[in-house]
Amino acid sequence: MLVEINDRCTIPYFGFSGGFIGTFMAWQNSGIQTVAREFLQNDITYPGFVYLSGASGVISSGVIDNLRIGLEGKFGTNRQTHTLSGNRERSLEVGISMTNMLVEYMVTPWRHVAIGIGGGIGFGRETLEFSEYSLTQPIVFPIGTAFVSSRMQTSMLLLQPSINVEYSLTSFSMLRFGAGYTVGFLSAWEMSGSGIAVQNTPDLSFARGGYVQFGVFIGLFNNY
């Protein structure tokens, strides 16, 4: 029997699910553009967003009505290259990874529709990988000067307030459309592996800006 719309908000939300998420995140790219133009020796312009893909799993708390908790992980890269004289090429790859614990308060104003207001707190990592290699010389072990690469990284604390609108296609499947804002608090940059500190870096806090997200989930939902 269908539940009247006016009564639906009084029924506690219940659901548990897991699925794929895709995120388009605006990032602070001015610092990386400065680094890229110097290293790649090219007047390069980075796009205003980076795409991250990953997975998320959520479940009703079972303790507080309409409270949902979960975990989320996502990762994305952006790689730029430029050919130098002497048949050599340089590349610069930016990497961002994030892992969050999610807490949301859920409301179900209409049948099929659930709205989650809350956010995530977690940890992440930003990386920069610099490479230079020959376009004509074969790369043979030991590699030598045919391929030269170095990588630097930093870890960060993440805060991500968000709002998600979810539509249950069936009792077992759901689509998500959401938006939010990412704030990252970075530690010092260091060389990967050795842990040697990197000094005099420009502002390379990429993970700071708004984002939109979509997702496809499989699970069990009571608002279908």
Protein backbone atom coordinates (compact mmCIF):
# COMPACT_ATOMS: atom_id res chain seq x y z
CA MET A 1 0.00 0.00 0.00
CA LEU A 2 1.37 3.42 -0.96
CA VAL A 3 2.22 5.88 1.77
CA GLU A 4 0.76 9.38 1.53
CA ILE A 5 3.30 12.08 0.71
CA ASN A 6 2.47 14.05 3.88
CA ASP A 7 3.23 11.00 6.00
CA ARG A 8 6.40 9.93 4.22
CA CYS A 9 8.76 12.29 6.09
CA THR A 10 7.68 10.66 9.38
CA ILE A 11 8.96 7.21 8.31
CA PRO A 12 12.63 6.77 9.27
CA TYR A 13 14.94 6.33 6.30
CA PHE A 14 16.56 2.93 5.93
CA GLY A 15 19.07 1.77 3.41
CA PHE A 16 22.42 0.14 2.85
CA SER A 17 24.29 0.13 -0.43
CA GLY A 18 27.56 0.36 -2.27
CA GLY A 19 28.50 1.62 -5.69
CA PHE A 20 30.53 3.71 -8.10
CA ILE A 21 30.99 7.47 -7.73
CA GLY A 22 32.37 10.03 -10.15
CA THR A 23 33.38 13.52 -8.99
CA PHE A 24 34.19 16.69 -10.90
CA MET A 25 36.11 18.85 -8.44
CA ALA A 26 37.16 22.46 -8.97
CA TRP A 27 40.75 22.85 -7.83
CA GLN A 28 43.25 25.59 -7.07
CA ASN A 29 45.39 25.26 -10.21
CA SER A 30 47.41 28.50 -10.12
CA GLY A 31 50.30 26.93 -8.19
CA ILE A 32 50.51 23.86 -10.40
CA GLN A 33 50.41 26.04 -13.52
CA THR A 34 53.47 27.93 -12.24
CA VAL A 35 55.32 24.65 -11.65
CA ALA A 36 54.21 23.16 -14.99
CA ARG A 37 55.24 26.16 -17.07
CA GLU A 38 58.69 26.14 -15.52
CA PHE A 39 59.27 22.39 -15.72
CA LEU A 40 57.59 21.67 -19.06
CA GLN A 41 58.98 24.87 -20.59
CA ASN A 42 55.59 25.54 -22.13
CA ASP A 43 52.86 28.14 -21.59
CA ILE A 44 50.38 25.51 -20.44
CA THR A 45 46.90 26.16 -19.04
CA TYR A 46 45.33 23.60 -16.72
CA PRO A 47 41.57 23.00 -16.75
CA GLY A 48 39.59 24.42 -13.86
CA PHE A 49 38.56 20.99 -12.55
CA VAL A 50 39.89 17.48 -12.04
CA TYR A 51 37.90 14.24 -12.37
CA LEU A 52 38.07 11.64 -9.61
CA SER A 53 36.48 8.18 -9.65
CA GLY A 54 35.98 5.75 -6.82
CA ALA A 55 33.54 3.85 -4.65
CA SER A 56 31.28 4.48 -1.67
CA GLY A 57 29.38 2.35 0.80
CA VAL A 58 26.66 3.62 3.17
CA ILE A 59 24.31 2.17 5.79
CA SER A 60 21.67 3.49 8.17
CA SER A 61 23.11 3.83 11.66
CA GLY A 62 20.36 1.77 13.31
CA VAL A 63 20.72 3.90 16.45
CA ILE A 64 19.49 7.37 15.46
CA ASP A 65 16.55 7.65 13.07
CA ASN A 66 17.50 8.96 9.58
CA LEU A 67 21.21 9.01 10.38
CA ARG A 68 23.40 7.36 7.74
CA ILE A 69 27.10 6.59 7.93
CA GLY A 70 29.54 5.35 5.33
CA LEU A 71 32.96 5.31 3.72
CA GLU A 72 34.11 6.83 0.45
CA GLY A 73 37.32 6.66 -1.55
CA LYS A 74 38.22 8.38 -4.81
CA PHE A 75 41.28 9.12 -6.92
CA GLY A 76 42.15 11.19 -9.99
CA THR A 77 45.13 12.31 -12.05
CA ASN A 78 45.98 14.94 -14.63
CA ARG A 79 49.02 14.50 -16.90
CA GLN A 80 50.55 17.13 -19.13
CA THR A 81 53.48 16.66 -21.55
CA HIS A 82 55.70 18.82 -23.72
CA THR A 83 58.33 17.84 -26.33
CA LEU A 84 61.75 19.48 -25.94
CA SER A 85 64.58 19.81 -28.42
CA GLY A 86 66.74 16.76 -28.97
CA ASN A 87 63.77 14.38 -29.19
CA ARG A 88 63.16 14.45 -25.46
CA GLU A 89 59.82 14.83 -23.69
CA ARG A 90 58.86 15.98 -20.22
CA SER A 91 55.68 15.06 -18.36
CA LEU A 92 54.10 16.31 -15.15
CA GLU A 93 51.41 14.21 -13.48
CA VAL A 94 49.24 15.49 -10.65
CA GLY A 95 47.52 12.93 -8.43
CA ILE A 96 44.83 13.40 -5.79
CA SER A 97 43.41 10.66 -3.56
CA MET A 98 40.79 10.98 -0.80
CA THR A 99 39.28 8.65 1.79
CA ASN A 100 36.39 9.92 3.93
CA MET A 101 34.08 8.77 6.69
CA LEU A 102 30.58 10.01 5.86
CA VAL A 103 27.81 11.16 8.19
CA GLU A 104 24.47 12.33 6.74
CA TYR A 105 20.98 13.11 7.98
CA MET A 106 18.44 11.70 5.54
CA VAL A 107 14.95 12.98 4.71
CA THR A 108 12.46 11.36 2.29
CA PRO A 109 10.06 14.07 1.08
CA TRP A 110 8.65 12.02 -1.81
CA ARG A 111 8.46 8.45 -2.89
CA HIS A 112 11.73 7.32 -4.54
CA VAL A 113 13.56 10.47 -3.38
CA ALA A 114 15.94 10.81 -0.43
CA ILE A 115 18.01 13.88 0.45
CA GLY A 116 21.17 13.60 2.54
CA ILE A 117 22.69 16.59 4.31
CA GLY A 118 26.03 16.19 6.04
CA GLY A 119 29.53 15.57 4.86
CA GLY A 120 32.77 13.71 5.31
CA ILE A 121 36.01 13.90 7.26
CA GLY A 122 39.10 11.97 6.32
CA PHE A 123 42.56 11.94 4.85
CA GLY A 124 44.06 12.37 1.42
CA ARG A 125 47.25 12.68 -0.56
CA GLU A 126 48.50 14.92 -3.32
CA THR A 127 51.40 13.90 -5.56
CA LEU A 128 53.50 15.50 -8.26
CA GLU A 129 55.55 13.27 -10.57
CA PHE A 130 58.19 14.86 -12.83
CA SER A 131 59.56 12.79 -15.73
CA GLU A 132 61.91 13.34 -18.66
CA TYR A 133 62.64 10.70 -21.28
CA SER A 134 63.96 10.17 -24.78
CA LEU A 135 61.51 9.71 -27.65
CA THR A 136 64.09 7.86 -29.78
CA GLN A 137 66.47 6.11 -27.38
CA PRO A 138 65.20 2.71 -26.19
CA ILE A 139 64.75 2.33 -22.45
CA VAL A 140 66.88 -0.65 -21.42
CA PHE A 141 67.69 -1.82 -17.90
CA PRO A 142 69.62 -0.34 -16.15
CA ILE A 143 67.61 2.70 -17.21
CA GLY A 144 70.31 5.38 -16.90
CA THR A 145 69.49 8.73 -18.50
CA ALA A 146 66.94 7.39 -21.00
CA PHE A 147 64.22 7.91 -18.37
CA VAL A 148 64.51 10.18 -15.34
CA SER A 149 61.68 10.56 -12.84
CA SER A 150 61.09 12.01 -9.38
CA ARG A 151 57.98 12.18 -7.23
CA MET A 152 56.95 14.42 -4.36
CA GLN A 153 53.92 14.08 -2.10
CA THR A 154 52.00 15.52 0.81
CA SER A 155 49.24 14.20 3.04
CA MET A 156 46.19 16.22 4.11
CA LEU A 157 43.24 16.33 6.47
CA LEU A 158 39.94 16.67 4.58
CA LEU A 159 36.60 18.27 5.39
CA GLN A 160 33.81 17.91 2.81
CA PRO A 161 30.34 19.31 3.62
CA SER A 162 27.83 18.01 1.08
CA ILE A 163 24.23 17.53 0.01
CA ASN A 164 23.08 14.50 -1.98
CA VAL A 165 19.82 13.87 -3.81
CA GLU A 166 19.15 10.18 -4.42
CA TYR A 167 16.52 8.50 -6.55
CA SER A 168 15.59 4.85 -6.01
CA LEU A 169 14.97 3.18 -9.36
CA THR A 170 13.92 -0.02 -7.56
CA SER A 171 14.15 -1.34 -4.01
CA PHE A 172 17.65 -2.52 -4.91
CA SER A 173 19.13 0.28 -7.08
CA MET A 174 19.66 4.01 -6.70
CA LEU A 175 21.11 7.01 -8.54
CA ARG A 176 22.89 9.83 -6.71
CA PHE A 177 23.47 13.46 -7.69
CA GLY A 178 25.31 15.60 -5.19
CA ALA A 179 27.37 18.70 -4.57
CA GLY A 180 29.72 19.93 -1.89
CA TYR A 181 32.92 21.74 -1.03
CA THR A 182 36.39 20.34 -0.29
CA VAL A 183 38.76 21.88 2.22
CA GLY A 184 42.20 20.30 2.55
CA PHE A 185 44.77 21.04 5.28
CA LEU A 186 48.15 20.01 3.91
CA SER A 187 51.31 18.84 5.63
CA ALA A 188 54.79 19.64 4.28
CA TRP A 189 55.82 18.36 0.86
CA GLU A 190 58.45 15.61 0.76
CA MET A 191 60.12 13.33 -1.75
CA SER A 192 58.37 9.98 -2.07
CA GLY A 193 60.30 7.08 -0.60
CA SER A 194 63.08 9.08 1.05
CA GLY A 195 60.92 11.46 3.07
CA ILE A 196 63.32 14.35 2.36
CA ALA A 197 61.52 17.68 2.76
CA VAL A 198 60.95 19.83 -0.33
CA GLN A 199 61.53 23.51 0.36
CA ASN A 200 60.33 26.71 -1.30
CA THR A 201 57.27 25.12 -2.92
CA PRO A 202 54.58 27.49 -4.22
CA ASP A 203 50.97 27.14 -3.03
CA LEU A 204 50.16 23.62 -4.22
CA SER A 205 46.95 23.02 -2.27
CA PHE A 206 44.93 21.56 -5.17
CA ALA A 207 42.16 20.04 -3.03
CA ARG A 208 40.21 23.17 -2.26
CA GLY A 209 36.99 23.99 -4.11
CA GLY A 210 33.44 23.00 -4.94
CA TYR A 211 32.49 19.71 -6.56
CA VAL A 212 29.59 17.88 -8.14
CA GLN A 213 29.17 14.13 -7.94
CA PHE A 214 27.14 11.33 -9.51
CA GLY A 215 26.83 7.73 -8.46
CA VAL A 216 25.18 4.37 -9.17
CA PHE A 217 24.43 2.17 -6.15
CA ILE A 218 23.16 -1.33 -5.50
CA GLY A 219 21.63 -2.23 -2.14
CA LEU A 220 18.35 -2.10 -0.26
CA PHE A 221 16.15 1.00 0.17
CA ASN A 222 12.82 1.54 1.91
CA ASN A 223 11.75 4.67 0.00
CA TYR A 224 11.00 2.99 -3.33
